[in-house]
Amino acid sequence: MAAMAPKDFNIHMLFFPLMSKSHTLPMVEMAKLFAARGADVTILITPLNASLVSGADSSIRFHLIPFPSNFSSSLPGTSSHIVSDLFMPSLSVETILRDPFDQVLKELRPDCVVSDLFMPWTYAVAAARGVPRLVFDGFGFFARCLEDAFLKQNPLQNLSPETDSIVLNGLPHRMQFLRSQFPDPDEWAKPTPLSQIWNQAAEVDPKSYGVVVNSFYELEPDYVNHYRNVIGGKAWGVGPVALCNQTSVKTDNESLKWLEGKNPGSVVYICFGTLSNFSSTQLREIAFGILASGHPFIWAVRSASNDWIPEGFEEKIEGGRGLVIREWVPQFLILNHPSVGGFVTHCGWNSCLEAISAGLAMATWPLFGEQFYNEKMVVDLLGIGVEVGAKEYGLMTEDRKEVVTAAMVEAAVRKLMGKSEEADERRRKAKELGLKARRAVAKGGSSYNDVGNLIQELMEKKEKGF
């Protein structure tokens, strides 16, 4: 039974998110969980991601960290552009924020710091002040375990040119991938901000106090146990955090209005996250494929250009056939709308977990990062996904040579939204996982208990002295 926070509770947790939208929002939602259980919570923000948390409730405090004006002035001027594109710039802020962060620790004197996986430099600053650091992991347990195996086994080293696939060993299940689903080892060896951050994280994360994961035990029990018992890491699964903080979201969005009146489970939602970019050629293939599938759709598109739009496409989607959105969309509410029956996704962990929480099956189209791991989990382990067919890792548009054809898109959407026994079984499994997700965050559930267990442990450590 997880311990509840006493009335005189005085543990102070400082949350420090990466400025990217896909990292800031889940951490804010997570912070609310701890605040709701009695923790004294402060979230450290910069002027660039302050707009993301403007609607947060009063249970948490925000502290603005000093930020050089010359850095922010070099970025695009609109907030909608900034929150989409801050991931890469955020990787290079250590020299700018190290001293201000140290000053914040000196002034606020928190009992612990929860900082993003992509901010490993915060470990040394916090350790110098005697403050334990918890890692906020944007991955699930499955991806974290596979990445640990990949880093230790280095299967790409000395791989013959004739070998197309690699196997990760020592895991609860045999995991086989294509060579093309990983970054080129020669390119990865180059000292880029991302590779340097990744290497630094691999070094300091094991020294941190533990990992707080946006996941729940019932979703990936074999890999929660593997991480805790085989890898030997301390970890708390506290998600899905999106289930806990949806009351303040406005429901008068264009996409939600468009969904009203559509048949239950008839609409496919397509979104590739805030960091993904496609060429005009690829966008046209998606457009042709969606139209050919015959299913009504909502498609969130990042491209600011209209060059990719096929002739006649806009006319064909009039009258409720489809909706293309270029601005922020309330994804969690869309996924939970009764008219939505499937999700075409890039397999970012936030998106996967939101779909799982909504009880939706997915068509998977991974692009980079841990997304190919997540696809493997969704399709092979959970049995709630169909592959679109993307096989090439590429962070930037110019890094990807493959083009996923309209025929592949059409086939995947038809398979996802169809009425076959296989499709029905995917939907059944997805709905079952959605119920498990809700039970996990409810009182007495696994994630609810992990929040309480972590609070109690921090209290005991504080009393004894970290």
Protein backbone atom coordinates (compact mmCIF):
# COMPACT_ATOMS: atom_id res chain seq x y z
CA MET A 1 0.00 0.00 0.00
CA ALA A 2 1.51 3.28 -1.06
CA ALA A 3 2.06 5.79 1.69
CA MET A 4 0.07 9.02 1.66
CA ALA A 5 1.74 12.33 2.27
CA PRO A 6 1.20 13.62 5.83
CA LYS A 7 -0.41 17.00 6.41
CA ASP A 8 2.88 18.57 7.48
CA PHE A 9 4.54 17.30 4.33
CA ASN A 10 7.57 19.35 3.36
CA ILE A 11 9.39 17.56 0.55
CA HIS A 12 10.29 20.09 -2.15
CA MET A 13 10.63 18.74 -5.71
CA LEU A 14 12.13 20.91 -8.46
CA PHE A 15 11.16 19.88 -12.01
CA PHE A 16 13.35 21.07 -14.89
CA PRO A 17 11.91 20.17 -18.32
CA LEU A 18 13.55 20.36 -21.72
CA MET A 19 12.16 23.35 -23.61
CA SER A 20 10.67 21.23 -26.39
CA LYS A 21 6.88 20.98 -26.23
CA SER A 22 6.83 17.19 -26.31
CA HIS A 23 9.08 17.14 -23.23
CA THR A 24 7.71 20.11 -21.28
CA LEU A 25 4.04 19.15 -21.22
CA PRO A 26 4.43 15.57 -19.90
CA MET A 27 6.74 16.80 -17.14
CA VAL A 28 4.24 19.48 -16.12
CA GLU A 29 1.52 16.84 -16.01
CA MET A 30 3.79 14.61 -13.94
CA ALA A 31 4.56 17.46 -11.56
CA LYS A 32 0.83 17.91 -10.98
CA LEU A 33 0.61 14.27 -9.89
CA PHE A 34 3.17 14.81 -7.16
CA ALA A 35 1.62 18.10 -6.12
CA ALA A 36 -1.77 16.40 -5.82
CA ARG A 37 -0.22 13.93 -3.38
CA GLY A 38 1.16 16.68 -1.15
CA ALA A 39 4.61 17.44 -2.53
CA ASP A 40 5.81 21.03 -2.66
CA VAL A 41 6.44 21.40 -6.40
CA THR A 42 8.33 24.03 -8.38
CA ILE A 43 8.80 23.89 -12.15
CA LEU A 44 11.79 25.66 -13.60
CA ILE A 45 11.00 27.36 -16.91
CA THR A 46 12.63 29.70 -19.41
CA PRO A 47 10.95 32.57 -21.27
CA LEU A 48 10.79 30.29 -24.31
CA ASN A 49 8.62 27.55 -22.82
CA ALA A 50 6.66 29.68 -20.35
CA SER A 51 3.73 29.90 -22.77
CA LEU A 52 3.32 26.12 -22.66
CA VAL A 53 2.42 26.17 -18.96
CA SER A 54 0.34 29.35 -18.82
CA GLY A 55 -2.84 27.40 -18.09
CA ALA A 56 -1.40 25.20 -15.34
CA ASP A 57 -3.26 25.02 -12.05
CA SER A 58 -2.27 26.74 -8.82
CA SER A 59 -1.05 23.58 -7.08
CA ILE A 60 2.45 24.14 -8.49
CA ARG A 61 4.80 27.11 -8.62
CA PHE A 62 6.86 28.28 -11.58
CA HIS A 63 10.30 29.79 -11.32
CA LEU A 64 11.71 31.67 -14.30
CA ILE A 65 15.38 30.91 -14.85
CA PRO A 66 17.50 33.77 -16.26
CA PHE A 67 18.02 33.33 -19.97
CA PRO A 68 20.26 35.33 -22.34
CA SER A 69 18.22 37.42 -24.74
CA ASN A 70 20.66 36.82 -27.59
CA PHE A 71 19.79 33.09 -27.56
CA SER A 72 16.03 33.58 -27.79
CA SER A 73 16.34 36.32 -30.40
CA SER A 74 18.11 33.91 -32.73
CA LEU A 75 15.06 31.64 -32.82
CA PRO A 76 11.87 32.02 -34.89
CA GLY A 77 9.63 34.75 -33.58
CA THR A 78 6.28 33.02 -33.20
CA SER A 79 5.43 30.90 -30.23
CA SER A 80 3.81 28.21 -32.38
CA HIS A 81 7.08 27.78 -34.27
CA ILE A 82 9.22 27.92 -31.15
CA VAL A 83 7.41 25.22 -29.22
CA SER A 84 7.64 22.91 -32.23
CA ASP A 85 11.31 23.40 -33.01
CA LEU A 86 13.11 23.86 -29.70
CA PHE A 87 14.32 20.28 -29.28
CA MET A 88 17.63 20.66 -31.10
CA PRO A 89 18.44 24.15 -29.69
CA SER A 90 17.63 22.81 -26.21
CA LEU A 91 20.50 20.35 -26.46
CA SER A 92 23.02 23.18 -26.55
CA VAL A 93 21.99 25.22 -23.50
CA GLU A 94 24.34 23.72 -20.89
CA THR A 95 26.85 26.56 -21.03
CA ILE A 96 24.03 29.09 -20.89
CA LEU A 97 22.00 27.55 -18.07
CA ARG A 98 24.59 25.80 -15.87
CA ASP A 99 25.34 28.83 -13.66
CA PRO A 100 21.72 30.08 -13.49
CA PHE A 101 20.61 26.55 -12.55
CA ASP A 102 23.22 26.39 -9.81
CA GLN A 103 21.98 29.74 -8.50
CA VAL A 104 18.39 28.45 -8.45
CA LEU A 105 19.47 25.43 -6.40
CA LYS A 106 21.23 27.75 -3.98
CA GLU A 107 18.17 29.98 -3.61
CA LEU A 108 15.34 27.41 -3.58
CA ARG A 109 17.20 24.57 -1.84
CA PRO A 110 14.98 21.77 -3.19
CA ASP A 111 15.12 18.28 -1.74
CA CYS A 112 15.43 16.71 -5.20
CA VAL A 113 15.61 17.65 -8.87
CA VAL A 114 13.66 15.91 -11.62
CA SER A 115 15.28 16.80 -14.95
CA ASP A 116 14.89 15.57 -18.49
CA LEU A 117 16.87 12.66 -19.88
CA PHE A 118 18.36 15.07 -22.42
CA MET A 119 19.72 17.34 -19.69
CA PRO A 120 22.39 15.08 -18.15
CA TRP A 121 24.54 18.08 -17.21
CA THR A 122 22.08 18.87 -14.41
CA TYR A 123 23.34 15.81 -12.52
CA ALA A 124 26.77 17.28 -11.75
CA VAL A 125 25.36 20.68 -10.80
CA ALA A 126 22.82 19.11 -8.44
CA ALA A 127 25.36 16.67 -7.00
CA ALA A 128 27.72 19.53 -6.15
CA ARG A 129 24.89 21.02 -4.08
CA GLY A 130 24.09 17.69 -2.46
CA VAL A 131 20.73 17.47 -4.23
CA PRO A 132 19.70 14.06 -5.64
CA ARG A 133 18.65 14.04 -9.27
CA LEU A 134 15.85 11.93 -10.73
CA VAL A 135 15.75 11.40 -14.49
CA PHE A 136 12.47 12.08 -16.28
CA ASP A 137 12.46 9.54 -19.08
CA GLY A 138 10.44 10.28 -22.19
CA PHE A 139 10.79 6.60 -23.14
CA GLY A 140 8.88 3.62 -21.80
CA PHE A 141 10.54 0.73 -19.98
CA PHE A 142 10.63 -1.41 -23.13
CA ALA A 143 12.58 1.17 -25.14
CA ARG A 144 14.88 1.90 -22.21
CA CYS A 145 15.74 -1.80 -21.86
CA LEU A 146 16.35 -2.19 -25.59
CA GLU A 147 18.55 0.89 -25.72
CA ASP A 148 20.55 -0.45 -22.77
CA ALA A 149 21.08 -3.71 -24.66
CA PHE A 150 22.02 -1.84 -27.84
CA LEU A 151 24.62 0.32 -26.08
CA LYS A 152 26.17 -2.66 -24.27
CA GLN A 153 26.18 -5.07 -27.21
CA ASN A 154 26.99 -2.56 -29.98
CA PRO A 155 25.59 -4.88 -32.67
CA LEU A 156 26.45 -2.53 -35.54
CA GLN A 157 30.17 -2.78 -34.81
CA ASN A 158 31.95 -4.99 -37.34
CA LEU A 159 28.65 -5.85 -39.01
CA SER A 160 29.30 -7.16 -42.51
CA PRO A 161 27.83 -5.17 -45.41
CA GLU A 162 25.83 -8.25 -46.45
CA THR A 163 23.98 -8.40 -43.12
CA ASP A 164 20.64 -6.61 -43.17
CA SER A 165 19.40 -7.38 -39.67
CA ILE A 166 20.63 -7.28 -36.09
CA VAL A 167 19.47 -9.06 -32.95
CA LEU A 168 19.45 -7.70 -29.40
CA ASN A 169 20.07 -10.47 -26.89
CA GLY A 170 19.55 -10.84 -23.15
CA LEU A 171 16.03 -9.41 -23.13
CA PRO A 172 12.72 -11.02 -22.12
CA HIS A 173 11.96 -11.51 -25.84
CA ARG A 174 14.13 -11.98 -28.90
CA MET A 175 14.37 -8.62 -30.65
CA GLN A 176 15.36 -8.39 -34.32
CA PHE A 177 15.64 -5.17 -36.31
CA LEU A 178 16.85 -4.03 -39.70
CA ARG A 179 20.20 -2.28 -39.89
CA SER A 180 18.42 0.64 -41.60
CA GLN A 181 16.28 1.25 -38.50
CA PHE A 182 19.29 2.59 -36.60
CA PRO A 183 21.41 5.67 -37.23
CA ASP A 184 24.51 5.20 -39.32
CA PRO A 185 27.30 4.39 -36.81
CA ASP A 186 29.82 6.56 -38.65
CA GLU A 187 27.45 9.52 -38.55
CA TRP A 188 26.55 8.86 -34.92
CA ALA A 189 30.24 8.83 -33.99
CA LYS A 190 30.57 12.44 -35.12
CA PRO A 191 30.46 14.95 -32.22
CA THR A 192 27.00 16.46 -32.73
CA PRO A 193 25.01 18.00 -29.85
CA LEU A 194 22.64 15.02 -29.89
CA SER A 195 25.34 12.32 -29.85
CA GLN A 196 27.27 14.13 -27.13
CA ILE A 197 24.16 14.48 -24.96
CA TRP A 198 23.33 10.81 -25.50
CA ASN A 199 26.80 9.66 -24.50
CA GLN A 200 26.79 11.93 -21.46
CA ALA A 201 23.38 10.61 -20.40
CA ALA A 202 24.60 7.02 -20.67
CA GLU A 203 27.42 7.92 -18.30
CA VAL A 204 25.58 9.91 -15.63
CA ASP A 205 22.07 8.44 -15.57
CA PRO A 206 23.19 5.33 -13.64
CA LYS A 207 24.66 7.68 -11.02
CA SER A 208 21.36 9.54 -10.61
CA TYR A 209 18.95 8.60 -7.84
CA GLY A 210 16.56 6.88 -10.22
CA VAL A 211 14.23 7.23 -13.18
CA VAL A 212 10.63 8.45 -13.27
CA VAL A 213 8.88 6.90 -16.27
CA ASN A 214 5.66 7.88 -17.99
CA SER A 215 4.34 4.33 -18.20
CA PHE A 216 2.51 1.77 -16.08
CA TYR A 217 3.42 -1.69 -14.87
CA GLU A 218 0.59 -3.61 -16.55
CA LEU A 219 1.60 -2.33 -19.99
CA GLU A 220 5.13 -3.77 -20.00
CA PRO A 221 5.63 -5.90 -16.85
CA ASP A 222 8.46 -8.01 -18.28
CA TYR A 223 10.47 -4.90 -19.06
CA VAL A 224 9.72 -3.09 -15.81
CA ASN A 225 11.06 -6.17 -14.02
CA HIS A 226 14.01 -6.44 -16.40
CA TYR A 227 14.98 -2.83 -15.82
CA ARG A 228 14.70 -3.09 -12.05
CA ASN A 229 16.12 -6.56 -11.51
CA VAL A 230 18.54 -7.21 -14.40
CA ILE A 231 19.78 -3.76 -15.36
CA GLY A 232 19.55 -2.82 -11.71
CA GLY A 233 18.05 0.63 -12.04
CA LYS A 234 15.67 2.29 -9.60
CA ALA A 235 12.53 3.30 -11.45
CA TRP A 236 8.99 4.41 -10.78
CA GLY A 237 6.24 4.10 -13.39
CA VAL A 238 3.79 6.94 -12.79
CA GLY A 239 1.83 7.15 -16.04
CA PRO A 240 -0.03 7.64 -18.18
CA VAL A 241 0.28 11.20 -16.92
CA ALA A 242 -2.06 12.52 -19.63
CA LEU A 243 -4.98 10.73 -17.95
CA CYS A 244 -4.68 12.82 -14.82
CA ASN A 245 -4.83 16.40 -16.08
CA GLN A 246 -7.38 16.88 -18.83
CA THR A 247 -10.05 18.94 -17.07
CA SER A 248 -8.54 22.31 -18.04
CA VAL A 249 -8.26 21.60 -21.79
CA LYS A 250 -10.58 23.69 -23.94
CA THR A 251 -13.01 21.69 -26.05
CA ASP A 252 -14.01 24.35 -28.60
CA ASN A 253 -11.25 23.38 -31.03
CA GLU A 254 -12.01 23.18 -34.77
CA SER A 255 -11.03 19.52 -34.97
CA LEU A 256 -13.34 18.52 -32.11
CA LYS A 257 -16.24 20.39 -33.70
CA TRP A 258 -15.52 18.65 -37.01
CA LEU A 259 -15.72 15.23 -35.30
CA GLU A 260 -19.23 15.83 -34.00
CA GLY A 261 -21.78 13.89 -36.01
CA LYS A 262 -19.27 11.44 -37.47
CA ASN A 263 -20.07 7.75 -37.04
CA PRO A 264 -18.47 6.04 -34.02
CA GLY A 265 -15.01 4.68 -34.79
CA SER A 266 -15.10 5.87 -38.41
CA VAL A 267 -12.38 8.56 -38.42
CA VAL A 268 -8.64 7.96 -38.69
CA TYR A 269 -6.38 10.52 -37.01
CA ILE A 270 -2.96 11.15 -38.57
CA CYS A 271 -0.17 12.98 -36.77
CA PHE A 272 3.61 12.64 -36.79
CA GLY A 273 4.51 14.77 -33.78
CA THR A 274 6.14 18.15 -33.31
CA LEU A 275 9.62 17.21 -34.56
CA SER A 276 8.88 15.21 -37.71
CA ASN A 277 9.27 16.71 -41.17
CA PHE A 278 8.39 15.23 -44.55
CA SER A 279 9.33 16.17 -48.09
CA SER A 280 6.62 17.47 -50.42
CA THR A 281 6.85 14.18 -52.32
CA GLN A 282 6.12 12.19 -49.18
CA LEU A 283 3.26 14.46 -48.12
CA ARG A 284 1.62 13.96 -51.52
CA GLU A 285 1.89 10.19 -51.16
CA ILE A 286 0.20 10.40 -47.76
CA ALA A 287 -2.58 12.54 -49.22
CA PHE A 288 -3.23 10.12 -52.10
CA GLY A 289 -3.13 7.14 -49.74
CA ILE A 290 -5.59 8.61 -47.26
CA LEU A 291 -8.05 9.50 -50.01
CA ALA A 292 -7.80 6.03 -51.54
CA SER A 293 -8.49 4.38 -48.17
CA GLY A 294 -12.03 5.75 -48.21
CA HIS A 295 -12.03 6.66 -44.52
CA PRO A 296 -12.74 10.15 -43.14
CA PHE A 297 -9.67 11.64 -41.50
CA ILE A 298 -8.09 14.40 -39.46
CA TRP A 299 -4.50 15.08 -40.48
CA ALA A 300 -2.21 17.35 -38.47
CA VAL A 301 0.42 18.68 -40.90
CA ARG A 302 3.52 20.66 -39.91
CA SER A 303 4.39 21.94 -43.39
CA ALA A 304 3.84 25.68 -43.78
CA SER A 305 3.96 25.37 -47.56
CA ASN A 306 1.09 24.43 -49.87
CA ASP A 307 3.38 23.10 -52.61
CA TRP A 308 2.72 19.49 -51.63
CA ILE A 309 -1.09 19.62 -51.90
CA PRO A 310 -2.22 17.48 -54.88
CA GLU A 311 -4.49 19.07 -57.44
CA GLY A 312 -8.11 18.60 -56.43
CA PHE A 313 -7.25 17.32 -52.94
CA GLU A 314 -8.88 20.18 -51.07
CA GLU A 315 -12.06 19.91 -53.13
CA LYS A 316 -12.28 16.16 -52.52
CA ILE A 317 -12.13 16.50 -48.73
CA GLU A 318 -14.85 19.14 -48.53
CA GLY A 319 -18.17 18.21 -46.96
CA GLY A 320 -16.71 16.28 -44.04
CA ARG A 321 -14.49 13.88 -45.99
CA GLY A 322 -11.33 15.11 -44.27
CA LEU A 323 -9.77 17.90 -42.24
CA VAL A 324 -6.18 19.14 -42.55
CA ILE A 325 -4.96 21.07 -39.49
CA ARG A 326 -1.76 23.15 -39.46
CA GLU A 327 -1.95 24.45 -35.90
CA TRP A 328 -1.79 22.84 -32.48
CA VAL A 329 -4.41 20.14 -31.97
CA PRO A 330 -5.76 18.70 -28.68
CA GLN A 331 -4.45 15.25 -29.52
CA PHE A 332 -5.53 13.53 -26.31
CA LEU A 333 -9.12 14.73 -26.73
CA ILE A 334 -9.16 13.76 -30.41
CA LEU A 335 -7.93 10.26 -29.63
CA ASN A 336 -10.60 9.88 -26.95
CA HIS A 337 -13.43 11.13 -29.17
CA PRO A 338 -15.91 8.32 -29.94
CA SER A 339 -15.78 9.09 -33.67
CA VAL A 340 -12.06 8.26 -33.89
CA GLY A 341 -11.28 4.63 -34.61
CA GLY A 342 -7.55 4.55 -35.37
CA PHE A 343 -4.32 6.53 -35.23
CA VAL A 344 -1.51 6.78 -37.81
CA THR A 345 1.50 7.75 -35.70
CA HIS A 346 5.25 8.29 -35.78
CA CYS A 347 5.47 6.18 -32.61
CA GLY A 348 6.75 8.89 -30.32
CA TRP A 349 6.23 7.61 -26.79
CA ASN A 350 3.80 10.35 -25.77
CA SER A 351 1.63 9.58 -28.78
CA CYS A 352 1.76 5.82 -28.27
CA LEU A 353 0.81 6.13 -24.62
CA GLU A 354 -2.03 8.57 -25.36
CA ALA A 355 -3.43 6.14 -27.94
CA ILE A 356 -3.10 3.25 -25.49
CA SER A 357 -4.86 5.31 -22.83
CA ALA A 358 -7.67 5.99 -25.31
CA GLY A 359 -7.94 2.31 -26.19
CA LEU A 360 -7.03 2.85 -29.85
CA ALA A 361 -5.16 0.65 -32.30
CA MET A 362 -2.39 2.26 -34.35
CA ALA A 363 -0.77 2.25 -37.77
CA THR A 364 2.94 2.72 -37.07
CA TRP A 365 5.35 4.92 -39.04
CA PRO A 366 8.54 5.41 -36.98
CA LEU A 367 11.16 7.91 -38.11
CA PHE A 368 13.99 8.32 -35.57
CA GLY A 369 14.96 8.12 -31.92
CA GLU A 370 13.43 5.21 -30.02
CA GLN A 371 10.42 5.12 -32.35
CA PHE A 372 11.37 1.84 -34.04
CA TYR A 373 11.54 0.26 -30.57
CA ASN A 374 8.07 1.60 -29.82
CA GLU A 375 6.76 0.19 -33.09
CA LYS A 376 8.09 -3.22 -32.14
CA MET A 377 6.28 -3.00 -28.82
CA VAL A 378 2.98 -1.80 -30.29
CA VAL A 379 2.88 -4.30 -33.16
CA ASP A 380 4.64 -7.42 -31.88
CA LEU A 381 4.33 -7.36 -28.09
CA LEU A 382 0.99 -5.67 -27.53
CA GLY A 383 -0.67 -6.71 -30.79
CA ILE A 384 -2.45 -3.38 -31.25
CA GLY A 385 -0.69 -2.02 -34.33
CA VAL A 386 -0.08 -2.51 -38.03
CA GLU A 387 3.09 -1.37 -39.77
CA VAL A 388 2.81 1.20 -42.54
CA GLY A 389 6.19 0.02 -43.80
CA ALA A 390 8.79 2.67 -42.92
CA LYS A 391 12.20 1.04 -42.58
CA GLU A 392 14.67 3.94 -42.61
CA TYR A 393 15.98 5.91 -39.64
CA GLY A 394 16.28 9.62 -40.35
CA LEU A 395 16.12 12.58 -38.00
CA MET A 396 15.91 15.16 -40.78
CA THR A 397 13.99 15.07 -44.06
CA GLU A 398 17.20 15.02 -46.08
CA ASP A 399 18.39 11.97 -44.10
CA ARG A 400 15.55 9.78 -45.42
CA LYS A 401 15.82 8.39 -48.93
CA GLU A 402 12.86 6.02 -48.82
CA VAL A 403 9.40 7.15 -49.85
CA VAL A 404 6.45 5.37 -48.29
CA THR A 405 4.03 5.05 -51.19
CA ALA A 406 0.36 5.95 -51.35
CA ALA A 407 -0.42 2.26 -51.81
CA MET A 408 1.35 1.43 -48.54
CA VAL A 409 -0.53 4.18 -46.70
CA GLU A 410 -3.85 3.04 -48.15
CA ALA A 411 -3.20 -0.60 -47.25
CA ALA A 412 -2.21 0.22 -43.67
CA VAL A 413 -5.25 2.45 -43.08
CA ARG A 414 -7.61 -0.15 -44.55
CA LYS A 415 -6.06 -2.83 -42.37
CA LEU A 416 -6.22 -0.60 -39.29
CA MET A 417 -9.83 0.50 -39.78
CA GLY A 418 -11.17 -2.71 -41.34
CA LYS A 419 -13.70 -5.23 -40.04
CA SER A 420 -11.61 -8.40 -40.20
CA GLU A 421 -11.12 -10.73 -37.25
CA GLU A 422 -7.53 -9.48 -36.93
CA ALA A 423 -8.67 -5.86 -36.81
CA ASP A 424 -11.35 -6.68 -34.25
CA GLU A 425 -8.76 -8.46 -32.10
CA ARG A 426 -6.43 -5.45 -32.25
CA ARG A 427 -9.27 -3.20 -31.16
CA ARG A 428 -10.23 -5.58 -28.35
CA LYS A 429 -6.67 -5.64 -27.02
CA ALA A 430 -6.38 -1.86 -27.33
CA LYS A 431 -9.58 -1.27 -25.36
CA GLU A 432 -8.42 -3.69 -22.67
CA LEU A 433 -5.13 -1.81 -22.33
CA GLY A 434 -7.03 1.47 -22.13
CA LEU A 435 -8.96 0.15 -19.14
CA LYS A 436 -5.74 -1.05 -17.51
CA ALA A 437 -4.20 2.39 -18.01
CA ARG A 438 -7.07 4.05 -16.18
CA ARG A 439 -6.91 1.55 -13.34
CA ALA A 440 -3.16 2.17 -13.01
CA VAL A 441 -3.58 5.88 -12.22
CA ALA A 442 -6.68 5.43 -10.05
CA LYS A 443 -6.34 5.18 -6.27
CA GLY A 444 -4.66 1.89 -5.42
CA GLY A 445 -3.37 1.37 -8.97
CA SER A 446 0.24 0.59 -9.81
CA SER A 447 1.16 4.10 -10.97
CA TYR A 448 -0.76 5.76 -8.15
CA ASN A 449 1.19 3.60 -5.71
CA ASP A 450 4.53 4.33 -7.36
CA VAL A 451 3.94 8.08 -6.92
CA GLY A 452 3.26 7.51 -3.24
CA ASN A 453 6.20 5.13 -2.86
CA LEU A 454 8.62 7.65 -4.34
CA ILE A 455 7.32 10.45 -2.14
CA GLN A 456 7.64 8.26 0.93
CA GLU A 457 11.17 7.20 0.01
CA LEU A 458 12.25 10.78 -0.54
CA MET A 459 10.77 11.73 2.82
CA GLU A 460 12.67 8.98 4.58
CA LYS A 461 15.91 9.87 2.79
CA LYS A 462 15.48 13.51 3.70
CA GLU A 463 14.97 12.70 7.37
CA LYS A 464 18.15 10.60 7.38
CA GLY A 465 20.04 13.03 5.17
CA PHE A 466 20.70 12.30 1.51
